[in-house]
PDB file of N, CA and C in Angstrom:
ATOM      1  N   UNK A   1    -122.256 -54.523 130.047  1.00  0.00           N
ATOM      2  CA  UNK A   1    -122.926 -53.290 129.729  1.00  0.00           C
ATOM      3  C   UNK A   1    -122.113 -52.574 128.663  1.00  0.00           C
ATOM      4  N   UNK A   2    -122.775 -52.204 127.578  1.00  0.00           N
ATOM      5  CA  UNK A   2    -122.103 -51.501 126.489  1.00  0.00           C
ATOM      6  C   UNK A   2    -122.403 -50.009 126.591  1.00  0.00           C
ATOM      7  N   UNK A   3    -121.346 -49.203 126.505  1.00  0.00           N
ATOM      8  CA  UNK A   3    -121.471 -47.745 126.547  1.00  0.00           C
ATOM      9  C   UNK A   3    -120.804 -47.186 125.295  1.00  0.00           C
ATOM     10  N   UNK A   4    -121.582 -46.432 124.518  1.00  0.00           N
ATOM     11  CA  UNK A   4    -121.057 -45.791 123.322  1.00  0.00           C
ATOM     12  C   UNK A   4    -120.749 -44.342 123.679  1.00  0.00           C
ATOM     13  N   UNK A   5    -119.497 -43.929 123.484  1.00  0.00           N
ATOM     14  CA  UNK A   5    -119.097 -42.555 123.783  1.00  0.00           C
ATOM     15  C   UNK A   5    -119.968 -41.618 122.938  1.00  0.00           C
ATOM     16  N   UNK A   6    -120.610 -40.669 123.611  1.00  0.00           N
ATOM     17  CA  UNK A   6    -121.476 -39.725 122.920  1.00  0.00           C
ATOM     18  C   UNK A   6    -122.938 -40.117 122.905  1.00  0.00           C
ATOM     19  N   UNK A   7    -123.293 -41.232 123.543  1.00  0.00           N
ATOM     20  CA  UNK A   7    -124.687 -41.680 123.616  1.00  0.00           C
ATOM     21  C   UNK A   7    -125.130 -41.771 125.072  1.00  0.00           C
ATOM     22  N   UNK A   8    -126.386 -41.477 125.307  1.00  0.00           N
ATOM     23  CA  UNK A   8    -126.942 -41.549 126.663  1.00  0.00           C
ATOM     24  C   UNK A   8    -127.126 -42.995 127.081  1.00  0.00           C
ATOM     25  N   UNK A   9    -126.927 -43.266 128.357  1.00  0.00           N
ATOM     26  CA  UNK A   9    -127.183 -44.583 128.923  1.00  0.00           C
ATOM     27  C   UNK A   9    -127.678 -44.403 130.352  1.00  0.00           C
ATOM     28  N   UNK A  10    -128.345 -45.411 130.858  1.00  0.00           N
ATOM     29  CA  UNK A  10    -128.893 -45.354 132.213  1.00  0.00           C
ATOM     30  C   UNK A  10    -128.138 -46.291 133.135  1.00  0.00           C
ATOM     31  N   UNK A  11    -128.127 -45.917 134.388  1.00  0.00           N
ATOM     32  CA  UNK A  11    -127.550 -46.740 135.449  1.00  0.00           C
ATOM     33  C   UNK A  11    -128.567 -46.852 136.568  1.00  0.00           C
ATOM     34  N   UNK A  12    -128.506 -47.938 137.315  1.00  0.00           N
ATOM     35  CA  UNK A  12    -129.357 -47.997 138.505  1.00  0.00           C
ATOM     36  C   UNK A  12    -128.876 -46.968 139.520  1.00  0.00           C
ATOM     37  N   UNK A  13    -129.695 -46.653 140.474  1.00  0.00           N
ATOM     38  CA  UNK A  13    -129.294 -45.708 141.523  1.00  0.00           C
ATOM     39  C   UNK A  13    -128.101 -46.301 142.276  1.00  0.00           C
ATOM     40  N   UNK A  14    -126.982 -45.562 142.291  1.00  0.00           N
ATOM     41  CA  UNK A  14    -125.736 -46.103 142.833  1.00  0.00           C
ATOM     42  C   UNK A  14    -125.238 -45.395 144.083  1.00  0.00           C
ATOM     43  N   UNK A  15    -125.865 -44.322 144.468  1.00  0.00           N
ATOM     44  CA  UNK A  15    -125.438 -43.607 145.656  1.00  0.00           C
ATOM     45  C   UNK A  15    -124.597 -42.389 145.322  1.00  0.00           C
ATOM     46  N   UNK A  16    -124.484 -41.509 146.300  1.00  0.00           N
ATOM     47  CA  UNK A  16    -123.815 -40.230 146.070  1.00  0.00           C
ATOM     48  C   UNK A  16    -122.308 -40.371 145.848  1.00  0.00           C
ATOM     49  N   UNK A  17    -121.664 -41.336 146.488  1.00  0.00           N
ATOM     50  CA  UNK A  17    -120.217 -41.509 146.307  1.00  0.00           C
ATOM     51  C   UNK A  17    -119.881 -41.902 144.873  1.00  0.00           C
ATOM     52  N   UNK A  18    -120.644 -42.840 144.317  1.00  0.00           N
ATOM     53  CA  UNK A  18    -120.406 -43.280 142.947  1.00  0.00           C
ATOM     54  C   UNK A  18    -120.757 -42.156 141.973  1.00  0.00           C
ATOM     55  N   UNK A  19    -121.883 -41.489 142.203  1.00  0.00           N
ATOM     56  CA  UNK A  19    -122.285 -40.376 141.338  1.00  0.00           C
ATOM     57  C   UNK A  19    -121.197 -39.303 141.329  1.00  0.00           C
ATOM     58  N   UNK A  20    -120.687 -38.968 142.496  1.00  0.00           N
ATOM     59  CA  UNK A  20    -119.630 -37.968 142.609  1.00  0.00           C
ATOM     60  C   UNK A  20    -118.374 -38.405 141.865  1.00  0.00           C
ATOM     61  N   UNK A  21    -118.002 -39.665 141.991  1.00  0.00           N
ATOM     62  CA  UNK A  21    -116.818 -40.185 141.299  1.00  0.00           C
ATOM     63  C   UNK A  21    -117.007 -40.123 139.783  1.00  0.00           C
ATOM     64  N   UNK A  22    -118.217 -40.411 139.309  1.00  0.00           N
ATOM     65  CA  UNK A  22    -118.486 -40.332 137.876  1.00  0.00           C
ATOM     66  C   UNK A  22    -118.387 -38.893 137.382  1.00  0.00           C
ATOM     67  N   UNK A  23    -118.898 -37.965 138.147  1.00  0.00           N
ATOM     68  CA  UNK A  23    -118.830 -36.554 137.756  1.00  0.00           C
ATOM     69  C   UNK A  23    -117.371 -36.076 137.720  1.00  0.00           C
ATOM     70  N   UNK A  24    -116.580 -36.522 138.699  1.00  0.00           N
ATOM     71  CA  UNK A  24    -115.160 -36.151 138.736  1.00  0.00           C
ATOM     72  C   UNK A  24    -114.392 -36.733 137.556  1.00  0.00           C
ATOM     73  N   UNK A  25    -114.844 -37.866 137.030  1.00  0.00           N
ATOM     74  CA  UNK A  25    -114.168 -38.458 135.882  1.00  0.00           C
ATOM     75  C   UNK A  25    -114.693 -37.895 134.556  1.00  0.00           C
ATOM     76  N   UNK A  26    -115.583 -36.920 134.631  1.00  0.00           N
ATOM     77  CA  UNK A  26    -116.031 -36.227 133.422  1.00  0.00           C
ATOM     78  C   UNK A  26    -117.252 -36.805 132.746  1.00  0.00           C
ATOM     79  N   UNK A  27    -117.983 -37.664 133.437  1.00  0.00           N
ATOM     80  CA  UNK A  27    -119.213 -38.205 132.869  1.00  0.00           C
ATOM     81  C   UNK A  27    -120.284 -37.115 132.919  1.00  0.00           C
ATOM     82  N   UNK A  28    -121.002 -36.967 131.832  1.00  0.00           N
ATOM     83  CA  UNK A  28    -122.069 -35.971 131.755  1.00  0.00           C
ATOM     84  C   UNK A  28    -123.356 -36.599 132.295  1.00  0.00           C
ATOM     85  N   UNK A  29    -124.162 -35.803 133.006  1.00  0.00           N
ATOM     86  CA  UNK A  29    -125.440 -36.297 133.524  1.00  0.00           C
ATOM     87  C   UNK A  29    -126.508 -35.241 133.290  1.00  0.00           C
ATOM     88  N   UNK A  30    -127.653 -35.694 132.810  1.00  0.00           N
ATOM     89  CA  UNK A  30    -128.832 -34.842 132.683  1.00  0.00           C
ATOM     90  C   UNK A  30    -130.036 -35.630 133.162  1.00  0.00           C
ATOM     91  N   UNK A  31    -130.781 -35.019 134.070  1.00  0.00           N
ATOM     92  CA  UNK A  31    -131.984 -35.659 134.584  1.00  0.00           C
ATOM     93  C   UNK A  31    -132.935 -35.922 133.423  1.00  0.00           C
ATOM     94  N   UNK A  32    -133.470 -37.097 133.371  1.00  0.00           N
ATOM     95  CA  UNK A  32    -134.369 -37.483 132.303  1.00  0.00           C
ATOM     96  C   UNK A  32    -133.667 -38.106 131.108  1.00  0.00           C
ATOM     97  N   UNK A  33    -132.376 -37.846 130.963  1.00  0.00           N
ATOM     98  CA  UNK A  33    -131.607 -38.410 129.850  1.00  0.00           C
ATOM     99  C   UNK A  33    -130.684 -39.529 130.331  1.00  0.00           C
ATOM    100  N   UNK A  34    -130.055 -39.305 131.470  1.00  0.00           N
ATOM    101  CA  UNK A  34    -129.142 -40.291 132.023  1.00  0.00           C
ATOM    102  C   UNK A  34    -127.707 -39.812 132.002  1.00  0.00           C
ATOM    103  N   UNK A  35    -126.799 -40.728 131.709  1.00  0.00           N
ATOM    104  CA  UNK A  35    -125.363 -40.470 131.721  1.00  0.00           C
ATOM    105  C   UNK A  35    -124.803 -40.539 130.309  1.00  0.00           C
ATOM    106  N   UNK A  36    -123.665 -39.855 130.108  1.00  0.00           N
ATOM    107  CA  UNK A  36    -123.001 -39.907 128.809  1.00  0.00           C
ATOM    108  C   UNK A  36    -121.497 -39.781 129.002  1.00  0.00           C
ATOM    109  N   UNK A  37    -120.765 -40.674 128.338  1.00  0.00           N
ATOM    110  CA  UNK A  37    -119.322 -40.518 128.222  1.00  0.00           C
ATOM    111  C   UNK A  37    -119.091 -39.567 127.049  1.00  0.00           C
ATOM    112  N   UNK A  38    -118.258 -38.558 127.254  1.00  0.00           N
ATOM    113  CA  UNK A  38    -117.933 -37.608 126.201  1.00  0.00           C
ATOM    114  C   UNK A  38    -116.443 -37.743 125.886  1.00  0.00           C
ATOM    115  N   UNK A  39    -115.952 -37.047 124.858  1.00  0.00           N
ATOM    116  CA  UNK A  39    -114.507 -37.099 124.593  1.00  0.00           C
ATOM    117  C   UNK A  39    -113.665 -36.578 125.760  1.00  0.00           C
ATOM    118  N   UNK A  40    -114.280 -35.807 126.665  1.00  0.00           N
ATOM    119  CA  UNK A  40    -113.550 -35.287 127.826  1.00  0.00           C
ATOM    120  C   UNK A  40    -113.568 -36.230 129.026  1.00  0.00           C
ATOM    121  N   UNK A  41    -114.329 -37.307 128.949  1.00  0.00           N
ATOM    122  CA  UNK A  41    -114.445 -38.253 130.054  1.00  0.00           C
ATOM    123  C   UNK A  41    -113.174 -39.078 130.199  1.00  0.00           C
ATOM    124  N   UNK A  42    -112.748 -39.276 131.430  1.00  0.00           N
ATOM    125  CA  UNK A  42    -111.660 -40.209 131.715  1.00  0.00           C
ATOM    126  C   UNK A  42    -112.310 -41.595 131.659  1.00  0.00           C
ATOM    127  N   UNK A  43    -112.257 -42.220 130.491  1.00  0.00           N
ATOM    128  CA  UNK A  43    -112.973 -43.476 130.259  1.00  0.00           C
ATOM    129  C   UNK A  43    -112.536 -44.584 131.190  1.00  0.00           C
ATOM    130  N   UNK A  44    -111.251 -44.643 131.466  1.00  0.00           N
ATOM    131  CA  UNK A  44    -110.733 -45.698 132.333  1.00  0.00           C
ATOM    132  C   UNK A  44    -111.323 -45.570 133.747  1.00  0.00           C
ATOM    133  N   UNK A  45    -111.303 -44.372 134.294  1.00  0.00           N
ATOM    134  CA  UNK A  45    -111.824 -44.157 135.651  1.00  0.00           C
ATOM    135  C   UNK A  45    -113.332 -44.347 135.701  1.00  0.00           C
ATOM    136  N   UNK A  46    -114.040 -43.812 134.717  1.00  0.00           N
ATOM    137  CA  UNK A  46    -115.498 -43.915 134.705  1.00  0.00           C
ATOM    138  C   UNK A  46    -115.946 -45.367 134.589  1.00  0.00           C
ATOM    139  N   UNK A  47    -115.343 -46.106 133.678  1.00  0.00           N
ATOM    140  CA  UNK A  47    -115.709 -47.516 133.508  1.00  0.00           C
ATOM    141  C   UNK A  47    -115.397 -48.314 134.768  1.00  0.00           C
ATOM    142  N   UNK A  48    -114.250 -48.053 135.378  1.00  0.00           N
ATOM    143  CA  UNK A  48    -113.875 -48.759 136.607  1.00  0.00           C
ATOM    144  C   UNK A  48    -114.886 -48.489 137.726  1.00  0.00           C
ATOM    145  N   UNK A  49    -115.310 -47.223 137.860  1.00  0.00           N
ATOM    146  CA  UNK A  49    -116.285 -46.878 138.898  1.00  0.00           C
ATOM    147  C   UNK A  49    -117.618 -47.578 138.665  1.00  0.00           C
ATOM    148  N   UNK A  50    -118.056 -47.642 137.417  1.00  0.00           N
ATOM    149  CA  UNK A  50    -119.318 -48.321 137.112  1.00  0.00           C
ATOM    150  C   UNK A  50    -119.190 -49.817 137.368  1.00  0.00           C
ATOM    151  N   UNK A  51    -118.075 -50.401 136.961  1.00  0.00           N
ATOM    152  CA  UNK A  51    -117.874 -51.830 137.173  1.00  0.00           C
ATOM    153  C   UNK A  51    -117.861 -52.185 138.654  1.00  0.00           C
ATOM    154  N   UNK A  52    -117.174 -51.390 139.453  1.00  0.00           N
ATOM    155  CA  UNK A  52    -117.126 -51.651 140.899  1.00  0.00           C
ATOM    156  C   UNK A  52    -118.499 -51.503 141.539  1.00  0.00           C
ATOM    157  N   UNK A  53    -119.272 -50.523 141.079  1.00  0.00           N
ATOM    158  CA  UNK A  53    -120.575 -50.261 141.689  1.00  0.00           C
ATOM    159  C   UNK A  53    -121.649 -51.244 141.251  1.00  0.00           C
ATOM    160  N   UNK A  54    -121.582 -51.709 139.995  1.00  0.00           N
ATOM    161  CA  UNK A  54    -122.648 -52.574 139.474  1.00  0.00           C
ATOM    162  C   UNK A  54    -122.262 -54.044 139.396  1.00  0.00           C
ATOM    163  N   UNK A  55    -120.963 -54.327 139.379  1.00  0.00           N
ATOM    164  CA  UNK A  55    -120.520 -55.700 139.201  1.00  0.00           C
ATOM    165  C   UNK A  55    -120.590 -56.160 137.752  1.00  0.00           C
ATOM    166  N   UNK A  56    -120.898 -55.225 136.834  1.00  0.00           N
ATOM    167  CA  UNK A  56    -120.976 -55.543 135.410  1.00  0.00           C
ATOM    168  C   UNK A  56    -119.759 -54.993 134.683  1.00  0.00           C
ATOM    169  N   UNK A  57    -119.247 -55.769 133.726  1.00  0.00           N
ATOM    170  CA  UNK A  57    -118.141 -55.295 132.904  1.00  0.00           C
ATOM    171  C   UNK A  57    -118.662 -54.225 131.943  1.00  0.00           C
ATOM    172  N   UNK A  58    -117.895 -53.175 131.758  1.00  0.00           N
ATOM    173  CA  UNK A  58    -118.271 -52.092 130.849  1.00  0.00           C
ATOM    174  C   UNK A  58    -117.475 -52.243 129.555  1.00  0.00           C
ATOM    175  N   UNK A  59    -118.202 -52.370 128.449  1.00  0.00           N
ATOM    176  CA  UNK A  59    -117.596 -52.411 127.116  1.00  0.00           C
ATOM    177  C   UNK A  59    -117.792 -51.031 126.503  1.00  0.00           C
ATOM    178  N   UNK A  60    -116.714 -50.387 126.129  1.00  0.00           N
ATOM    179  CA  UNK A  60    -116.781 -49.043 125.565  1.00  0.00           C
ATOM    180  C   UNK A  60    -116.656 -49.123 124.050  1.00  0.00           C
ATOM    181  N   UNK A  61    -117.511 -48.363 123.374  1.00  0.00           N
ATOM    182  CA  UNK A  61    -117.471 -48.261 121.930  1.00  0.00           C
ATOM    183  C   UNK A  61    -117.463 -46.785 121.565  1.00  0.00           C
ATOM    184  N   UNK A  62    -116.883 -46.461 120.427  1.00  0.00           N
ATOM    185  CA  UNK A  62    -116.812 -45.063 119.996  1.00  0.00           C
ATOM    186  C   UNK A  62    -117.529 -44.880 118.662  1.00  0.00           C
ATOM    187  N   UNK A  63    -117.821 -43.641 118.348  1.00  0.00           N
ATOM    188  CA  UNK A  63    -118.472 -43.288 117.090  1.00  0.00           C
ATOM    189  C   UNK A  63    -117.420 -42.813 116.086  1.00  0.00           C
ATOM    190  N   UNK A  64    -117.749 -42.969 114.811  1.00  0.00           N
ATOM    191  CA  UNK A  64    -116.884 -42.492 113.743  1.00  0.00           C
ATOM    192  C   UNK A  64    -116.808 -40.970 113.809  1.00  0.00           C
ATOM    193  N   UNK A  65    -115.632 -40.436 113.748  1.00  0.00           N
ATOM    194  CA  UNK A  65    -115.400 -38.997 113.821  1.00  0.00           C
ATOM    195  C   UNK A  65    -116.026 -38.274 112.631  1.00  0.00           C
ATOM    196  N   UNK A  66    -116.190 -38.961 111.517  1.00  0.00           N
ATOM    197  CA  UNK A  66    -116.724 -38.346 110.302  1.00  0.00           C
ATOM    198  C   UNK A  66    -118.247 -38.442 110.230  1.00  0.00           C
ATOM    199  N   UNK A  67    -118.796 -39.650 110.380  1.00  0.00           N
ATOM    200  CA  UNK A  67    -120.237 -39.850 110.153  1.00  0.00           C
ATOM    201  C   UNK A  67    -121.049 -40.117 111.414  1.00  0.00           C
ATOM    202  N   UNK A  68    -120.400 -40.289 112.545  1.00  0.00           N
ATOM    203  CA  UNK A  68    -121.027 -40.519 113.853  1.00  0.00           C
ATOM    204  C   UNK A  68    -121.681 -41.893 114.015  1.00  0.00           C
ATOM    205  N   UNK A  69    -121.497 -42.790 113.051  1.00  0.00           N
ATOM    206  CA  UNK A  69    -121.968 -44.166 113.261  1.00  0.00           C
ATOM    207  C   UNK A  69    -121.021 -44.862 114.231  1.00  0.00           C
ATOM    208  N   UNK A  70    -121.534 -45.868 114.904  1.00  0.00           N
ATOM    209  CA  UNK A  70    -120.681 -46.618 115.823  1.00  0.00           C
ATOM    210  C   UNK A  70    -119.549 -47.272 115.023  1.00  0.00           C
ATOM    211  N   UNK A  71    -118.317 -47.036 115.444  1.00  0.00           N
ATOM    212  CA  UNK A  71    -117.156 -47.478 114.675  1.00  0.00           C
ATOM    213  C   UNK A  71    -116.629 -48.846 115.085  1.00  0.00           C
ATOM    214  N   UNK A  72    -116.820 -49.254 116.305  1.00  0.00           N
ATOM    215  CA  UNK A  72    -116.147 -50.444 116.831  1.00  0.00           C
ATOM    216  C   UNK A  72    -116.625 -51.797 116.295  1.00  0.00           C
ATOM    217  N   UNK A  73    -117.921 -51.996 116.037  1.00  0.00           N
ATOM    218  CA  UNK A  73    -118.345 -53.341 115.639  1.00  0.00           C
ATOM    219  C   UNK A  73    -117.654 -53.900 114.399  1.00  0.00           C
ATOM    220  N   UNK A  74    -117.304 -53.065 113.432  1.00  0.00           N
ATOM    221  CA  UNK A  74    -116.682 -53.562 112.206  1.00  0.00           C
ATOM    222  C   UNK A  74    -115.191 -53.238 112.125  1.00  0.00           C
ATOM    223  N   UNK A  75    -114.608 -52.782 113.217  1.00  0.00           N
ATOM    224  CA  UNK A  75    -113.206 -52.370 113.204  1.00  0.00           C
ATOM    225  C   UNK A  75    -112.273 -53.580 113.170  1.00  0.00           C
ATOM    226  N   UNK A  76    -111.300 -53.511 112.275  1.00  0.00           N
ATOM    227  CA  UNK A  76    -110.344 -54.612 112.160  1.00  0.00           C
ATOM    228  C   UNK A  76    -109.393 -54.686 113.349  1.00  0.00           C
ATOM    229  N   UNK A  77    -109.313 -53.610 114.128  1.00  0.00           N
ATOM    230  CA  UNK A  77    -108.404 -53.573 115.278  1.00  0.00           C
ATOM    231  C   UNK A  77    -109.127 -53.770 116.609  1.00  0.00           C
ATOM    232  N   UNK A  78    -110.414 -54.078 116.583  1.00  0.00           N
ATOM    233  CA  UNK A  78    -111.234 -54.156 117.795  1.00  0.00           C
ATOM    234  C   UNK A  78    -110.659 -55.099 118.855  1.00  0.00           C
ATOM    235  N   UNK A  79    -110.133 -56.216 118.439  1.00  0.00           N
ATOM    236  CA  UNK A  79    -109.613 -57.190 119.401  1.00  0.00           C
ATOM    237  C   UNK A  79    -108.387 -56.678 120.148  1.00  0.00           C
ATOM    238  N   UNK A  80    -107.587 -55.854 119.499  1.00  0.00           N
ATOM    239  CA  UNK A  80    -106.346 -55.360 120.096  1.00  0.00           C
ATOM    240  C   UNK A  80    -106.491 -53.966 120.704  1.00  0.00           C
ATOM    241  N   UNK A  81    -107.612 -53.318 120.486  1.00  0.00           N
ATOM    242  CA  UNK A  81    -107.793 -51.922 120.904  1.00  0.00           C
ATOM    243  C   UNK A  81    -108.317 -51.833 122.338  1.00  0.00           C
ATOM    244  N   UNK A  82    -107.660 -51.031 123.140  1.00  0.00           N
ATOM    245  CA  UNK A  82    -108.145 -50.749 124.489  1.00  0.00           C
ATOM    246  C   UNK A  82    -108.844 -49.393 124.431  1.00  0.00           C
ATOM    247  N   UNK A  83    -110.156 -49.413 124.223  1.00  0.00           N
ATOM    248  CA  UNK A  83    -110.917 -48.183 124.036  1.00  0.00           C
ATOM    249  C   UNK A  83    -110.974 -47.313 125.287  1.00  0.00           C
ATOM    250  N   UNK A  84    -110.492 -47.808 126.391  1.00  0.00           N
ATOM    251  CA  UNK A  84    -110.456 -46.982 127.602  1.00  0.00           C
ATOM    252  C   UNK A  84    -109.304 -45.984 127.577  1.00  0.00           C
ATOM    253  N   UNK A  85    -108.311 -46.227 126.712  1.00  0.00           N
ATOM    254  CA  UNK A  85    -107.147 -45.334 126.707  1.00  0.00           C
ATOM    255  C   UNK A  85    -106.845 -44.720 125.339  1.00  0.00           C
ATOM    256  N   UNK A  86    -107.575 -45.106 124.295  1.00  0.00           N
ATOM    257  CA  UNK A  86    -107.323 -44.509 122.978  1.00  0.00           C
ATOM    258  C   UNK A  86    -108.228 -43.305 122.760  1.00  0.00           C
ATOM    259  N   UNK A  87    -107.942 -42.565 121.727  1.00  0.00           N
ATOM    260  CA  UNK A  87    -108.758 -41.409 121.374  1.00  0.00           C
ATOM    261  C   UNK A  87    -110.155 -41.857 120.959  1.00  0.00           C
ATOM    262  N   UNK A  88    -111.179 -41.143 121.384  1.00  0.00           N
ATOM    263  CA  UNK A  88    -112.538 -41.486 120.933  1.00  0.00           C
ATOM    264  C   UNK A  88    -112.831 -40.939 119.541  1.00  0.00           C
ATOM    265  N   UNK A  89    -111.821 -40.499 118.826  1.00  0.00           N
ATOM    266  CA  UNK A  89    -112.017 -39.943 117.488  1.00  0.00           C
ATOM    267  C   UNK A  89    -111.549 -40.937 116.429  1.00  0.00           C
ATOM    268  N   UNK A  90    -112.191 -42.092 116.386  1.00  0.00           N
ATOM    269  CA  UNK A  90    -111.846 -43.148 115.440  1.00  0.00           C
ATOM    270  C   UNK A  90    -112.639 -42.980 114.155  1.00  0.00           C
ATOM    271  N   UNK A  91    -112.358 -43.845 113.196  1.00  0.00           N
ATOM    272  CA  UNK A  91    -113.089 -43.866 111.940  1.00  0.00           C
ATOM    273  C   UNK A  91    -113.751 -45.224 111.765  1.00  0.00           C
ATOM    274  N   UNK A  92    -114.940 -45.225 111.173  1.00  0.00           N
ATOM    275  CA  UNK A  92    -115.624 -46.477 110.871  1.00  0.00           C
ATOM    276  C   UNK A  92    -114.915 -47.159 109.708  1.00  0.00           C
ATOM    277  N   UNK A  93    -115.307 -48.376 109.401  1.00  0.00           N
ATOM    278  CA  UNK A  93    -114.658 -49.136 108.338  1.00  0.00           C
ATOM    279  C   UNK A  93    -114.755 -48.403 106.996  1.00  0.00           C
ATOM    280  N   UNK A  94    -115.907 -47.822 106.712  1.00  0.00           N
ATOM    281  CA  UNK A  94    -116.092 -47.115 105.441  1.00  0.00           C
ATOM    282  C   UNK A  94    -115.106 -45.958 105.282  1.00  0.00           C
ATOM    283  N   UNK A  95    -114.937 -45.173 106.343  1.00  0.00           N
ATOM    284  CA  UNK A  95    -114.076 -44.002 106.240  1.00  0.00           C
ATOM    285  C   UNK A  95    -112.597 -44.314 106.457  1.00  0.00           C
ATOM    286  N   UNK A  96    -112.271 -45.371 107.125  1.00  0.00           N
ATOM    287  CA  UNK A  96    -110.860 -45.702 107.351  1.00  0.00           C
ATOM    288  C   UNK A  96    -110.253 -46.475 106.194  1.00  0.00           C
ATOM    289  N   UNK A  97    -111.083 -47.111 105.387  1.00  0.00           N
ATOM    290  CA  UNK A  97    -110.546 -47.951 104.318  1.00  0.00           C
ATOM    291  C   UNK A  97    -110.396 -47.205 102.989  1.00  0.00           C
ATOM    292  N   UNK A  98    -110.919 -46.004 102.892  1.00  0.00           N
ATOM    293  CA  UNK A  98    -110.793 -45.271 101.624  1.00  0.00           C
ATOM    294  C   UNK A  98    -109.405 -44.653 101.506  1.00  0.00           C
ATOM    295  N   UNK A  99    -109.007 -44.384 100.280  1.00  0.00           N
ATOM    296  CA  UNK A  99    -107.701 -43.775 100.052  1.00  0.00           C
ATOM    297  C   UNK A  99    -107.652 -42.330 100.536  1.00  0.00           C
ATOM    298  N   UNK A 100    -108.821 -41.713 100.674  1.00  0.00           N
ATOM    299  CA  UNK A 100    -108.902 -40.323 101.125  1.00  0.00           C
ATOM    300  C   UNK A 100    -109.171 -40.233 102.635  1.00  0.00           C
ATOM    301  N   UNK A 101    -108.847 -41.270 103.381  1.00  0.00           N
ATOM    302  CA  UNK A 101    -109.169 -41.307 104.814  1.00  0.00           C
ATOM    303  C   UNK A 101    -108.591 -40.109 105.565  1.00  0.00           C
ATOM    304  N   UNK A 102    -107.341 -39.794 105.317  1.00  0.00           N
ATOM    305  CA  UNK A 102    -106.716 -38.685 106.037  1.00  0.00           C
ATOM    306  C   UNK A 102    -107.373 -37.361 105.677  1.00  0.00           C
ATOM    307  N   UNK A 103    -107.657 -37.156 104.400  1.00  0.00           N
ATOM    308  CA  UNK A 103    -108.302 -35.915 103.968  1.00  0.00           C
ATOM    309  C   UNK A 103    -109.707 -35.796 104.555  1.00  0.00           C
ATOM    310  N   UNK A 104    -110.451 -36.890 104.567  1.00  0.00           N
ATOM    311  CA  UNK A 104    -111.806 -36.896 105.132  1.00  0.00           C
ATOM    312  C   UNK A 104    -111.756 -36.573 106.617  1.00  0.00           C
ATOM    313  N   UNK A 105    -110.827 -37.192 107.326  1.00  0.00           N
ATOM    314  CA  UNK A 105    -110.652 -36.939 108.758  1.00  0.00           C
ATOM    315  C   UNK A 105    -110.271 -35.477 108.994  1.00  0.00           C
ATOM    316  N   UNK A 106    -109.366 -34.959 108.181  1.00  0.00           N
ATOM    317  CA  UNK A 106    -108.924 -33.565 108.316  1.00  0.00           C
ATOM    318  C   UNK A 106    -110.071 -32.589 108.097  1.00  0.00           C
ATOM    319  N   UNK A 107    -110.907 -32.834 107.079  1.00  0.00           N
ATOM    320  CA  UNK A 107    -112.063 -31.961 106.824  1.00  0.00           C
ATOM    321  C   UNK A 107    -113.042 -31.998 107.991  1.00  0.00           C
ATOM    322  N   UNK A 108    -113.273 -33.191 108.546  1.00  0.00           N
ATOM    323  CA  UNK A 108    -114.180 -33.309 109.700  1.00  0.00           C
ATOM    324  C   UNK A 108    -113.611 -32.562 110.898  1.00  0.00           C
ATOM    325  N   UNK A 109    -112.301 -32.649 111.089  1.00  0.00           N
ATOM    326  CA  UNK A 109    -111.643 -31.952 112.192  1.00  0.00           C
ATOM    327  C   UNK A 109    -111.765 -30.440 112.022  1.00  0.00           C
ATOM    328  N   UNK A 110    -111.513 -29.952 110.813  1.00  0.00           N
ATOM    329  CA  UNK A 110    -111.635 -28.514 110.534  1.00  0.00           C
ATOM    330  C   UNK A 110    -113.060 -28.033 110.743  1.00  0.00           C
ATOM    331  N   UNK A 111    -114.039 -28.837 110.345  1.00  0.00           N
ATOM    332  CA  UNK A 111    -115.450 -28.460 110.533  1.00  0.00           C
ATOM    333  C   UNK A 111    -115.788 -28.347 112.015  1.00  0.00           C
ATOM    334  N   UNK A 112    -115.238 -29.247 112.816  1.00  0.00           N
ATOM    335  CA  UNK A 112    -115.494 -29.178 114.272  1.00  0.00           C
ATOM    336  C   UNK A 112    -114.842 -27.958 114.887  1.00  0.00           C
ATOM    337  N   UNK A 113    -113.677 -27.595 114.405  1.00  0.00           N
ATOM    338  CA  UNK A 113    -113.009 -26.395 114.910  1.00  0.00           C
ATOM    339  C   UNK A 113    -113.800 -25.131 114.580  1.00  0.00           C
ATOM    340  N   UNK A 114    -114.485 -25.154 113.450  1.00  0.00           N
ATOM    341  CA  UNK A 114    -115.251 -23.978 113.011  1.00  0.00           C
ATOM    342  C   UNK A 114    -116.567 -23.821 113.789  1.00  0.00           C
ATOM    343  N   UNK A 115    -117.009 -24.865 114.477  1.00  0.00           N
ATOM    344  CA  UNK A 115    -118.283 -24.811 115.218  1.00  0.00           C
ATOM    345  C   UNK A 115    -118.211 -23.853 116.396  1.00  0.00           C
TER     346      UNK A 115
END
């Protein structure tokens, strides 16, 4: 099961204990929309709870901090990256490979602070 941080996903009915554990780990839930991992979610705990309840491995992917496209599929570090413990504020290949990567990231960060 693939879960993109910041995107809605559905789970089968898992019971109140699992639902409670997901809420405690910071997973967002909205009726009609489903579940969402956010930057505040304890990804390691949430993924572990889903894996134990469903028997399916959870693959976590993150969005580019600048453009919000999914960053992991083209990432050169994907094989070595443990997305359960790294920051969900990564950059996609386009934004990480430019010479202005730090400046672009900084501007995006400042824009988020201004929101």
